C-alpha atoms as a PDB file:
ATOM      1  CA  MET A   1     -80.501  57.496  62.759  1.00  0.00           C
ATOM      2  CA  THR A   2     -80.211  60.536  65.076  1.00  0.00           C
ATOM      3  CA  LYS A   3     -80.221  64.089  63.768  1.00  0.00           C
ATOM      4  CA  THR A   4     -76.529  64.379  64.657  1.00  0.00           C
ATOM      5  CA  ASN A   5     -75.644  61.228  62.759  1.00  0.00           C
ATOM      6  CA  ARG A   6     -77.742  62.290  59.792  1.00  0.00           C
ATOM      7  CA  PHE A   7     -76.088  65.714  59.725  1.00  0.00           C
ATOM      8  CA  THR A   8     -72.633  64.117  59.902  1.00  0.00           C
ATOM      9  CA  LEU A   9     -73.514  61.732  57.092  1.00  0.00           C
ATOM     10  CA  ILE A  10     -74.857  64.446  54.824  1.00  0.00           C
ATOM     11  CA  ALA A  11     -71.878  66.700  55.588  1.00  0.00           C
ATOM     12  CA  THR A  12     -69.459  63.914  54.736  1.00  0.00           C
ATOM     13  CA  VAL A  13     -71.176  63.016  51.491  1.00  0.00           C
ATOM     14  CA  LEU A  14     -71.701  66.618  50.422  1.00  0.00           C
ATOM     15  CA  LEU A  15     -68.007  67.284  50.952  1.00  0.00           C
ATOM     16  CA  GLY A  16     -67.374  64.358  48.664  1.00  0.00           C
ATOM     17  CA  ILE A  17     -69.788  65.742  46.083  1.00  0.00           C
ATOM     18  CA  LEU A  18     -68.103  69.136  46.208  1.00  0.00           C
ATOM     19  CA  LEU A  19     -64.731  67.496  45.683  1.00  0.00           C
ATOM     20  CA  TYR A  20     -66.250  65.553  42.834  1.00  0.00           C
ATOM     21  CA  THR A  21     -67.474  68.662  41.067  1.00  0.00           C
ATOM     22  CA  ILE A  22     -63.948  70.005  40.791  1.00  0.00           C
ATOM     23  CA  LEU A  23     -62.488  66.787  39.409  1.00  0.00           C
ATOM     24  CA  GLN A  24     -62.084  67.625  35.772  1.00  0.00           C
ATOM     25  CA  PHE A  25     -62.382  64.090  34.515  1.00  0.00           C
ATOM     26  CA  ALA A  26     -65.900  63.988  35.976  1.00  0.00           C
ATOM     27  CA  HIS A  27     -66.878  66.939  33.793  1.00  0.00           C
ATOM     28  CA  ASP A  28     -64.933  66.352  30.619  1.00  0.00           C
ATOM     29  CA  LEU A  29     -65.110  62.600  30.085  1.00  0.00           C
ATOM     30  CA  ASN A  30     -64.574  61.703  26.443  1.00  0.00           C
ATOM     31  CA  VAL A  31     -63.954  65.228  25.244  1.00  0.00           C
ATOM     32  CA  ALA A  32     -60.689  66.284  23.736  1.00  0.00           C
ATOM     33  CA  TRP A  33     -61.284  69.838  24.949  1.00  0.00           C
ATOM     34  CA  ASP A  34     -64.101  71.745  26.660  1.00  0.00           C
ATOM     35  CA  GLY A  35     -64.600  74.468  24.062  1.00  0.00           C
ATOM     36  CA  SER A  36     -63.250  77.266  26.235  1.00  0.00           C
ATOM     37  CA  PRO A  37     -60.560  79.623  24.906  1.00  0.00           C
ATOM     38  CA  LEU A  38     -57.063  78.421  25.643  1.00  0.00           C
ATOM     39  CA  GLU A  39     -53.719  80.122  25.583  1.00  0.00           C
ATOM     40  CA  PRO A  40     -51.890  79.302  22.363  1.00  0.00           C
ATOM     41  CA  PRO A  41     -49.235  76.632  22.888  1.00  0.00           C
ATOM     42  CA  ALA A  42     -45.665  77.748  23.204  1.00  0.00           C
ATOM     43  CA  LYS A  43     -43.732  77.769  19.972  1.00  0.00           C
ATOM     44  CA  THR A  44     -41.615  74.707  19.457  1.00  0.00           C
ATOM     45  CA  SER A  45     -39.035  73.593  16.999  1.00  0.00           C
ATOM     46  CA  ASN A  46     -40.613  70.149  16.872  1.00  0.00           C
ATOM     47  CA  GLN A  47     -41.569  69.476  13.280  1.00  0.00           C
ATOM     48  CA  HIS A  48     -44.357  67.173  14.477  1.00  0.00           C
ATOM     49  CA  ALA A  49     -46.214  70.076  16.078  1.00  0.00           C
ATOM     50  CA  THR A  50     -46.459  71.990  12.798  1.00  0.00           C
ATOM     51  CA  THR A  51     -47.400  69.098  10.516  1.00  0.00           C
ATOM     52  CA  VAL A  52     -50.117  67.367  12.571  1.00  0.00           C
ATOM     53  CA  PRO A  53     -53.520  69.094  12.237  1.00  0.00           C
ATOM     54  CA  ARG A  54     -54.707  70.909  15.346  1.00  0.00           C
ATOM     55  CA  ILE A  55     -58.433  70.484  16.031  1.00  0.00           C
ATOM     56  CA  THR A  56     -60.080  73.018  18.330  1.00  0.00           C
ATOM     57  CA  GLY A  57     -63.622  73.023  16.952  1.00  0.00           C
ATOM     58  CA  ALA A  58     -65.925  71.747  14.235  1.00  0.00           C
ATOM     59  CA  VAL A  59     -64.573  74.234  11.710  1.00  0.00           C
ATOM     60  CA  ASP A  60     -61.183  72.501  11.842  1.00  0.00           C
ATOM     61  CA  LEU A  61     -62.760  69.209  10.785  1.00  0.00           C
ATOM     62  CA  HIS A  62     -64.150  70.422   7.473  1.00  0.00           C
ATOM     63  CA  ASN A  63     -60.944  69.683   5.583  1.00  0.00           C
ATOM     64  CA  MET A  64     -61.112  66.041   6.674  1.00  0.00           C
ATOM     65  CA  PHE A  65     -64.606  65.366   5.368  1.00  0.00           C
ATOM     66  CA  ALA A  66     -66.254  65.463   1.980  1.00  0.00           C
ATOM     67  CA  ASP A  67     -68.819  68.191   1.378  1.00  0.00           C
ATOM     68  CA  GLY A  68     -71.840  67.674   3.614  1.00  0.00           C
ATOM     69  CA  ALA A  69     -70.372  64.652   5.391  1.00  0.00           C
ATOM     70  CA  LEU A  70     -69.291  66.477   8.539  1.00  0.00           C
ATOM     71  CA  ASP A  71     -72.795  67.445   9.654  1.00  0.00           C
ATOM     72  CA  ALA A  72     -73.956  63.855   9.245  1.00  0.00           C
ATOM     73  CA  ALA A  73     -70.977  62.615  11.253  1.00  0.00           C
ATOM     74  CA  LEU A  74     -71.596  65.131  14.042  1.00  0.00           C
ATOM     75  CA  ASN A  75     -75.279  64.186  14.212  1.00  0.00           C
ATOM     76  CA  ASP A  76     -74.358  60.511  14.329  1.00  0.00           C
ATOM     77  CA  TYR A  77     -71.893  61.169  17.150  1.00  0.00           C
ATOM     78  CA  ALA A  78     -74.544  63.073  19.098  1.00  0.00           C
ATOM     79  CA  ALA A  79     -77.016  60.193  18.703  1.00  0.00           C
ATOM     80  CA  TRP A  80     -74.357  57.646  19.703  1.00  0.00           C
ATOM     81  CA  SER A  81     -73.526  59.693  22.804  1.00  0.00           C
ATOM     82  CA  ASP A  82     -77.144  60.263  23.830  1.00  0.00           C
ATOM     83  CA  ALA A  83     -77.868  56.529  23.608  1.00  0.00           C
ATOM     84  CA  ARG A  84     -75.076  55.924  26.110  1.00  0.00           C
ATOM     85  CA  GLY A  85     -76.120  58.595  28.575  1.00  0.00           C
ATOM     86  CA  PHE A  86     -73.796  61.405  27.491  1.00  0.00           C
ATOM     87  CA  ALA A  87     -76.112  64.400  27.273  1.00  0.00           C
ATOM     88  CA  GLY A  88     -75.407  67.721  25.612  1.00  0.00           C
ATOM     89  CA  ASN A  89     -75.842  69.375  22.240  1.00  0.00           C
ATOM     90  CA  ASN A  90     -72.468  68.288  20.887  1.00  0.00           C
ATOM     91  CA  ARG A  91     -70.390  65.959  22.992  1.00  0.00           C
ATOM     92  CA  LEU A  92     -67.283  66.541  20.923  1.00  0.00           C
ATOM     93  CA  PHE A  93     -66.971  70.168  21.946  1.00  0.00           C
ATOM     94  CA  ALA A  94     -68.844  70.425  25.241  1.00  0.00           C
ATOM     95  CA  ALA A  95     -68.699  68.636  28.561  1.00  0.00           C
ATOM     96  CA  PRO A  96     -71.411  66.052  29.304  1.00  0.00           C
ATOM     97  CA  VAL A  97     -74.090  66.896  31.839  1.00  0.00           C
ATOM     98  CA  ASP A  98     -76.470  64.815  33.947  1.00  0.00           C
ATOM     99  CA  THR A  99     -79.658  66.414  32.682  1.00  0.00           C
ATOM    100  CA  PRO A 100     -80.210  65.841  28.952  1.00  0.00           C
ATOM    101  CA  SER A 101     -81.322  68.706  26.768  1.00  0.00           C
ATOM    102  CA  ASN A 102     -84.133  66.687  25.158  1.00  0.00           C
ATOM    103  CA  LEU A 103     -86.253  66.490  28.333  1.00  0.00           C
ATOM    104  CA  PRO A 104     -88.923  69.154  28.917  1.00  0.00           C
ATOM    105  CA  ALA A 105     -87.619  71.762  31.345  1.00  0.00           C
ATOM    106  CA  ASP A 106     -90.823  71.706  33.420  1.00  0.00           C
ATOM    107  CA  MET A 107     -90.933  67.928  33.947  1.00  0.00           C
ATOM    108  CA  ASP A 108     -91.517  67.228  37.642  1.00  0.00           C
ATOM    109  CA  GLU A 109     -90.192  64.385  39.760  1.00  0.00           C
ATOM    110  CA  THR A 110     -93.332  62.275  39.346  1.00  0.00           C
ATOM    111  CA  ALA A 111     -93.131  62.471  35.565  1.00  0.00           C
ATOM    112  CA  LEU A 112     -89.433  61.664  35.625  1.00  0.00           C
ATOM    113  CA  ARG A 113     -90.032  58.631  37.830  1.00  0.00           C
ATOM    114  CA  THR A 114     -92.749  57.373  35.496  1.00  0.00           C
ATOM    115  CA  ARG A 115     -90.461  57.638  32.496  1.00  0.00           C
ATOM    116  CA  SER A 116     -87.540  56.172  34.413  1.00  0.00           C
ATOM    117  CA  GLU A 117     -89.548  53.141  35.491  1.00  0.00           C
ATOM    118  CA  ALA A 118     -90.545  52.666  31.844  1.00  0.00           C
ATOM    119  CA  GLY A 119     -86.885  52.420  30.838  1.00  0.00           C
ATOM    120  CA  ASP A 120     -86.085  56.001  29.800  1.00  0.00           C
ATOM    121  CA  VAL A 121     -82.395  56.357  30.624  1.00  0.00           C
ATOM    122  CA  THR A 122     -82.391  60.127  30.126  1.00  0.00           C
ATOM    123  CA  ALA A 123     -85.175  60.507  32.691  1.00  0.00           C
ATOM    124  CA  THR A 124     -83.342  58.220  35.109  1.00  0.00           C
ATOM    125  CA  GLN A 125     -80.168  60.293  34.894  1.00  0.00           C
ATOM    126  CA  ALA A 126     -82.104  63.544  35.215  1.00  0.00           C
ATOM    127  CA  LEU A 127     -83.796  62.195  38.340  1.00  0.00           C
ATOM    128  CA  ALA A 128     -80.443  61.106  39.759  1.00  0.00           C
ATOM    129  CA  ALA A 129     -79.017  64.572  39.126  1.00  0.00           C
ATOM    130  CA  GLN A 130     -81.940  66.194  40.958  1.00  0.00           C
ATOM    131  CA  MET A 131     -81.433  63.952  43.994  1.00  0.00           C
ATOM    132  CA  LEU A 132     -77.647  64.200  44.108  1.00  0.00           C
ATOM    133  CA  PHE A 133     -77.456  66.670  47.002  1.00  0.00           C
ATOM    134  CA  ALA A 134     -80.695  65.755  48.775  1.00  0.00           C
ATOM    135  CA  ASP A 135     -79.950  62.022  48.902  1.00  0.00           C
ATOM    136  CA  PRO A 136     -76.608  61.039  47.326  1.00  0.00           C
ATOM    137  CA  PHE A 137     -77.135  57.360  48.091  1.00  0.00           C
ATOM    138  CA  ALA A 138     -80.443  57.284  46.228  1.00  0.00           C
ATOM    139  CA  ALA A 139     -78.795  59.176  43.370  1.00  0.00           C
ATOM    140  CA  ILE A 140     -76.061  56.540  43.100  1.00  0.00           C
ATOM    141  CA  ALA A 141     -78.727  53.814  43.007  1.00  0.00           C
ATOM    142  CA  LEU A 142     -80.468  55.670  40.179  1.00  0.00           C
ATOM    143  CA  PHE A 143     -77.225  55.989  38.251  1.00  0.00           C
ATOM    144  CA  ARG A 144     -76.865  52.209  38.622  1.00  0.00           C
ATOM    145  CA  ARG A 145     -80.345  51.830  37.111  1.00  0.00           C
ATOM    146  CA  ALA A 146     -79.332  54.176  34.300  1.00  0.00           C
ATOM    147  CA  ALA A 147     -76.316  51.953  33.607  1.00  0.00           C
ATOM    148  CA  GLU A 148     -78.664  48.982  33.384  1.00  0.00           C
ATOM    149  CA  GLN A 149     -80.778  50.989  30.929  1.00  0.00           C
ATOM    150  CA  GLY A 150     -77.809  51.489  28.606  1.00  0.00           C
ATOM    151  CA  SER A 151     -75.803  54.380  30.048  1.00  0.00           C
ATOM    152  CA  THR A 152     -72.023  54.151  30.006  1.00  0.00           C
ATOM    153  CA  PHE A 153     -71.847  57.668  31.414  1.00  0.00           C
ATOM    154  CA  ALA A 154     -73.674  56.490  34.555  1.00  0.00           C
ATOM    155  CA  LEU A 155     -70.891  53.992  35.272  1.00  0.00           C
ATOM    156  CA  LEU A 156     -68.348  56.799  35.094  1.00  0.00           C
ATOM    157  CA  ARG A 157     -70.564  58.969  37.297  1.00  0.00           C
ATOM    158  CA  ILE A 158     -70.821  56.286  39.959  1.00  0.00           C
ATOM    159  CA  GLY A 159     -67.068  55.771  39.930  1.00  0.00           C
ATOM    160  CA  SER A 160     -66.270  59.447  40.303  1.00  0.00           C
ATOM    161  CA  LEU A 161     -68.873  59.923  43.051  1.00  0.00           C
ATOM    162  CA  LEU A 162     -67.579  56.966  45.045  1.00  0.00           C
ATOM    163  CA  ALA A 163     -64.012  58.229  44.694  1.00  0.00           C
ATOM    164  CA  ALA A 164     -65.059  61.642  45.992  1.00  0.00           C
ATOM    165  CA  ILE A 165     -66.989  60.157  48.929  1.00  0.00           C
ATOM    166  CA  ASP A 166     -64.005  57.964  49.774  1.00  0.00           C
ATOM    167  CA  THR A 167     -61.719  61.001  49.783  1.00  0.00           C
ATOM    168  CA  ALA A 168     -64.077  62.968  52.022  1.00  0.00           C
ATOM    169  CA  ASP A 169     -64.600  60.042  54.391  1.00  0.00           C
ATOM    170  CA  ALA A 170     -60.857  59.547  54.779  1.00  0.00           C
ATOM    171  CA  TYR A 171     -60.558  63.055  56.223  1.00  0.00           C
ATOM    172  CA  ASN A 172     -63.604  62.797  58.461  1.00  0.00           C
ATOM    173  CA  GLU A 173     -62.615  60.600  61.394  1.00  0.00           C
ATOM    174  CA  ALA A 174     -65.555  61.892  63.419  1.00  0.00           C
ATOM    175  CA  THR A 175     -68.102  60.083  61.264  1.00  0.00           C
ATOM    176  CA  SER A 176     -70.145  57.899  63.621  1.00  0.00           C
ATOM    177  CA  SER A 177     -70.864  54.222  63.087  1.00  0.00           C
ATOM    178  CA  ALA A 178     -74.366  54.598  61.613  1.00  0.00           C
ATOM    179  CA  PRO A 179     -73.433  56.994  58.779  1.00  0.00           C
ATOM    180  CA  ARG A 180     -70.230  55.080  58.170  1.00  0.00           C
ATOM    181  CA  GLN A 181     -72.283  51.922  57.656  1.00  0.00           C
ATOM    182  CA  ARG A 182     -74.233  53.571  54.838  1.00  0.00           C
ATOM    183  CA  ILE A 183     -70.956  54.477  53.178  1.00  0.00           C
ATOM    184  CA  ALA A 184     -69.662  50.950  53.752  1.00  0.00           C
ATOM    185  CA  ASP A 185     -72.773  49.579  52.049  1.00  0.00           C
ATOM    186  CA  LEU A 186     -71.592  51.221  48.826  1.00  0.00           C
ATOM    187  CA  ILE A 187     -68.600  48.862  48.702  1.00  0.00           C
ATOM    188  CA  GLU A 188     -69.059  45.986  46.275  1.00  0.00           C
ATOM    189  CA  PRO A 189     -68.209  42.418  47.387  1.00  0.00           C
ATOM    190  CA  GLY A 190     -64.879  41.049  46.264  1.00  0.00           C
ATOM    191  CA  LEU A 191     -63.030  44.367  46.303  1.00  0.00           C
ATOM    192  CA  ASN A 192     -61.092  44.095  49.555  1.00  0.00           C
ATOM    193  CA  HIS A 193     -63.677  46.059  51.569  1.00  0.00           C
ATOM    194  CA  SER A 194     -62.496  49.218  49.791  1.00  0.00           C
ATOM    195  CA  LEU A 195     -64.654  52.069  48.509  1.00  0.00           C
ATOM    196  CA  ARG A 196     -61.656  53.307  46.552  1.00  0.00           C
ATOM    197  CA  LEU A 197     -61.351  49.992  44.724  1.00  0.00           C
ATOM    198  CA  THR A 198     -65.104  49.995  44.125  1.00  0.00           C
ATOM    199  CA  ALA A 199     -64.786  53.400  42.453  1.00  0.00           C
ATOM    200  CA  PHE A 200     -61.906  52.060  40.382  1.00  0.00           C
ATOM    201  CA  GLY A 201     -63.999  49.020  39.477  1.00  0.00           C
ATOM    202  CA  TYR A 202     -66.875  51.110  38.128  1.00  0.00           C
ATOM    203  CA  MET A 203     -64.471  53.163  36.027  1.00  0.00           C
ATOM    204  CA  VAL A 204     -62.940  50.013  34.554  1.00  0.00           C
ATOM    205  CA  THR A 205     -66.431  48.650  33.872  1.00  0.00           C
ATOM    206  CA  ALA A 206     -67.171  51.835  31.934  1.00  0.00           C
ATOM    207  CA  LEU A 207     -64.009  51.344  29.863  1.00  0.00           C
ATOM    208  CA  ARG A 208     -65.121  47.828  28.998  1.00  0.00           C
ATOM    209  CA  ASP A 209     -68.546  49.105  28.002  1.00  0.00           C
ATOM    210  CA  GLY A 210     -67.794  52.308  26.106  1.00  0.00           C
ATOM    211  CA  GLY A 211     -64.391  51.584  24.612  1.00  0.00           C
ATOM    212  CA  ALA A 212     -61.980  54.102  23.153  1.00  0.00           C
ATOM    213  CA  PRO A 213     -64.555  56.824  22.316  1.00  0.00           C
ATOM    214  CA  ILE A 214     -65.252  57.538  25.995  1.00  0.00           C
ATOM    215  CA  VAL A 215     -61.650  57.918  27.171  1.00  0.00           C
ATOM    216  CA  ASP A 216     -59.895  61.276  27.296  1.00  0.00           C
ATOM    217  CA  HIS A 217     -56.516  62.267  28.721  1.00  0.00           C
ATOM    218  CA  ASP A 218     -57.898  63.444  32.082  1.00  0.00           C
ATOM    219  CA  LEU A 219     -59.740  60.191  32.727  1.00  0.00           C
ATOM    220  CA  LEU A 220     -56.772  58.095  31.643  1.00  0.00           C
ATOM    221  CA  ASN A 221     -54.373  60.065  33.853  1.00  0.00           C
ATOM    222  CA  TRP A 222     -56.660  59.478  36.842  1.00  0.00           C
ATOM    223  CA  LEU A 223     -56.790  55.771  36.027  1.00  0.00           C
ATOM    224  CA  ASP A 224     -52.998  55.686  35.731  1.00  0.00           C
ATOM    225  CA  ARG A 225     -52.611  57.219  39.188  1.00  0.00           C
ATOM    226  CA  ILE A 226     -54.923  54.794  40.949  1.00  0.00           C
ATOM    227  CA  ASN A 227     -53.668  51.821  38.915  1.00  0.00           C
ATOM    228  CA  ASP A 228     -50.111  52.599  40.005  1.00  0.00           C
ATOM    229  CA  SER A 229     -51.196  52.775  43.654  1.00  0.00           C
ATOM    230  CA  VAL A 230     -52.860  49.361  43.956  1.00  0.00           C
ATOM    231  CA  THR A 231     -51.271  45.967  44.498  1.00  0.00           C
ATOM    232  CA  ASN A 232     -51.294  43.240  41.867  1.00  0.00           C
ATOM    233  CA  ASP A 233     -53.914  41.327  43.849  1.00  0.00           C
ATOM    234  CA  GLU A 234     -56.121  44.417  44.158  1.00  0.00           C
ATOM    235  CA  ARG A 235     -55.798  45.120  40.446  1.00  0.00           C
ATOM    236  CA  LEU A 236     -56.722  41.554  39.600  1.00  0.00           C
ATOM    237  CA  ALA A 237     -59.769  41.770  41.874  1.00  0.00           C
ATOM    238  CA  VAL A 238     -60.914  45.000  40.198  1.00  0.00           C
ATOM    239  CA  CYS A 239     -60.442  43.598  36.693  1.00  0.00           C
ATOM    240  CA  ARG A 240     -62.274  40.389  37.557  1.00  0.00           C
ATOM    241  CA  TRP A 241     -65.114  42.287  39.250  1.00  0.00           C
ATOM    242  CA  SER A 242     -65.531  44.736  36.361  1.00  0.00           C
ATOM    243  CA  GLU A 243     -65.726  41.910  33.829  1.00  0.00           C
ATOM    244  CA  ARG A 244     -68.390  40.124  35.848  1.00  0.00           C
ATOM    245  CA  THR A 245     -70.281  43.353  36.547  1.00  0.00           C
ATOM    246  CA  LEU A 246     -70.525  44.296  32.881  1.00  0.00           C
ATOM    247  CA  MET A 247     -71.956  40.852  32.134  1.00  0.00           C
ATOM    248  CA  GLU A 248     -74.589  41.355  34.847  1.00  0.00           C
ATOM    249  CA  ILE A 249     -75.433  44.823  33.566  1.00  0.00           C
ATOM    250  CA  ALA A 250     -75.628  43.525  29.987  1.00  0.00           C
ATOM    251  CA  LYS A 251     -78.226  40.931  31.019  1.00  0.00           C
ATOM    252  CA  ARG A 252     -80.346  43.591  32.685  1.00  0.00           C
ATOM    253  CA  ARG A 253     -80.078  45.839  29.642  1.00  0.00           C
ATOM    254  CA  VAL A 254     -81.550  43.077  27.521  1.00  0.00           C
ATOM    255  CA  ARG A 255     -84.479  42.888  29.956  1.00  0.00           C
ATOM    256  CA  TRP A 256     -85.000  46.619  29.445  1.00  0.00           C
ATOM    257  CA  GLY A 257     -84.951  46.048  25.689  1.00  0.00           C
ATOM    258  CA  LYS A 258     -81.604  47.813  25.245  1.00  0.00           C
ATOM    259  CA  PRO A 259     -78.395  46.664  23.499  1.00  0.00           C
ATOM    260  CA  ALA A 260     -76.300  44.591  25.892  1.00  0.00           C
ATOM    261  CA  VAL A 261     -72.980  46.324  25.204  1.00  0.00           C
ATOM    262  CA  THR A 262     -71.482  48.972  22.937  1.00  0.00           C
ATOM    263  CA  THR A 263     -70.326  47.338  19.697  1.00  0.00           C
ATOM    264  CA  ILE A 264     -71.133  50.013  17.096  1.00  0.00           C
ATOM    265  CA  THR A 265     -68.735  52.897  16.568  1.00  0.00           C
ATOM    266  CA  PRO A 266     -69.876  56.434  15.877  1.00  0.00           C
ATOM    267  CA  LYS A 267     -69.003  57.722  12.412  1.00  0.00           C
ATOM    268  CA  MET A 268     -66.243  59.768  13.979  1.00  0.00           C
ATOM    269  CA  PHE A 269     -64.553  59.971  17.343  1.00  0.00           C
ATOM    270  CA  PHE A 270     -61.264  60.875  19.001  1.00  0.00           C
ATOM    271  CA  ALA A 271     -59.130  58.304  20.809  1.00  0.00           C
ATOM    272  CA  ILE A 272     -55.873  58.346  22.719  1.00  0.00           C
ATOM    273  CA  PRO A 273     -53.020  56.829  20.678  1.00  0.00           C
ATOM    274  CA  ASP A 274     -51.849  53.372  21.794  1.00  0.00           C
ATOM    275  CA  LEU A 275     -54.652  53.287  24.347  1.00  0.00           C
ATOM    276  CA  ALA A 276     -54.505  49.507  24.804  1.00  0.00           C
ATOM    277  CA  GLU A 277     -50.992  49.822  26.236  1.00  0.00           C
ATOM    278  CA  ARG A 278     -52.243  52.039  29.071  1.00  0.00           C
ATOM    279  CA  LEU A 279     -55.446  50.285  30.105  1.00  0.00           C
ATOM    280  CA  PRO A 280     -55.451  49.044  33.716  1.00  0.00           C
ATOM    281  CA  CYS A 281     -56.117  45.329  33.127  1.00  0.00           C
ATOM    282  CA  ARG A 282     -53.751  44.764  30.209  1.00  0.00           C
ATOM    283  CA  ARG A 283     -51.417  42.432  32.152  1.00  0.00           C
ATOM    284  CA  THR A 284     -54.118  40.375  33.869  1.00  0.00           C
ATOM    285  CA  VAL A 285     -56.217  37.416  32.790  1.00  0.00           C
ATOM    286  CA  HIS A 286     -59.154  39.841  32.530  1.00  0.00           C
ATOM    287  CA  PRO A 287     -57.988  42.368  29.896  1.00  0.00           C
ATOM    288  CA  ILE A 288     -60.282  45.073  28.547  1.00  0.00           C
ATOM    289  CA  ASP A 289     -61.205  43.753  25.119  1.00  0.00           C
ATOM    290  CA  ASN A 290     -62.164  46.027  22.251  1.00  0.00           C
ATOM    291  CA  LEU A 291     -65.763  45.152  21.374  1.00  0.00           C
ATOM    292  CA  MET A 292     -65.984  47.502  18.389  1.00  0.00           C
ATOM    293  CA  ASP A 293     -65.200  46.662  14.767  1.00  0.00           C
ATOM    294  CA  LEU A 294     -62.624  49.250  13.730  1.00  0.00           C
ATOM    295  CA  THR A 295     -61.654  47.630  10.426  1.00  0.00           C
ATOM    296  CA  HIS A 296     -63.918  50.031   8.537  1.00  0.00           C
ATOM    297  CA  CYS A 297     -62.300  53.106  10.117  1.00  0.00           C
ATOM    298  CA  THR A 298     -59.452  55.298   8.909  1.00  0.00           C
ATOM    299  CA  VAL A 299     -57.187  56.937  11.485  1.00  0.00           C
ATOM    300  CA  SER A 300     -55.566  60.373  11.266  1.00  0.00           C
ATOM    301  CA  LYS A 301     -53.116  61.885  13.735  1.00  0.00           C
ATOM    302  CA  VAL A 302     -54.323  65.182  15.223  1.00  0.00           C
ATOM    303  CA  ARG A 303     -53.700  67.383  18.244  1.00  0.00           C
ATOM    304  CA  ASN A 304     -56.321  69.038  20.416  1.00  0.00           C
ATOM    305  CA  ALA A 305     -56.526  72.562  21.814  1.00  0.00           C
ATOM    306  CA  ALA A 306     -54.314  71.529  24.744  1.00  0.00           C
ATOM    307  CA  ASP A 307     -51.708  70.315  22.218  1.00  0.00           C
ATOM    308  CA  GLN A 308     -52.214  66.660  23.161  1.00  0.00           C
ATOM    309  CA  ASP A 309     -51.906  63.834  20.648  1.00  0.00           C
ATOM    310  CA  LEU A 310     -55.127  62.154  19.532  1.00  0.00           C
ATOM    311  CA  ASP A 311     -56.253  59.756  16.840  1.00  0.00           C
ATOM    312  CA  LEU A 312     -59.232  60.864  14.776  1.00  0.00           C
ATOM    313  CA  TYR A 313     -61.279  57.854  13.668  1.00  0.00           C
ATOM    314  CA  ILE A 314     -63.562  58.280  10.652  1.00  0.00           C
ATOM    315  CA  CYS A 315     -65.674  55.166  10.194  1.00  0.00           C
ATOM    316  CA  LYS A 316     -67.897  54.000   7.362  1.00  0.00           C
ATOM    317  CA  LYS A 317     -71.059  52.171   8.348  1.00  0.00           C
END
């Protein structure tokens, strides 16, 4: 690859990464709010708005838990999130990040690679985050490894990165054939030679894997937009591919000694009401099945800081 081609490739991909960083769903996946101060919602005469509890932080949850139970539930949620690649001190009230807080700050690339090759998903994601701007293609490959080591978050990361690269590439007609081939190599077989559909496919695979706890309004709105823009045949191809891909990833997780799929709920989580009616594959022969046992959960209607409806699940294990 010539220096000119390499520069064009990096410029194209970096533009995609920059676009990606401003896509809110890539920052706030599975959070009902990001913890930042918000303007109070406009007053309304709707009785529903005054009777449904509004949850803006942990303090608002105390009334819904018995004494001492909230801390245990929050710790359980943090452990559930960490096991699936969502790093951060408290994933309910803060956006997930690539680099987990439980890795030593001074760990170098060699140490990260050693831990990654031993199956440490947090090290794999940290390594991918470090390489994101230097070599985005290698970073995407590492996120794929992280997914095979148990990370649902990595599937979402791949999807959002591919969507951003696709957007950047669409506006860069000057990209020469060699760099364009590297981008084309990111497209998965069976998805109509489309990077956009590949991004969609990874997002749908994440939904199959993580279930309701990983879906927030921003992610679902993005999925609605792309789902409405594809043909029935394209949608069917994505749903079929995502089902097959999760099965392949599940097999590789078992080889790493990790659970194949997410079947255990956290003790508490937020979900979008009537989520099943909005999932992309609901009218295909490859629907997104709920793999979690929710029969031991109670559901309460709440609203978040943005005044959006949510269901609060409190589950007994």
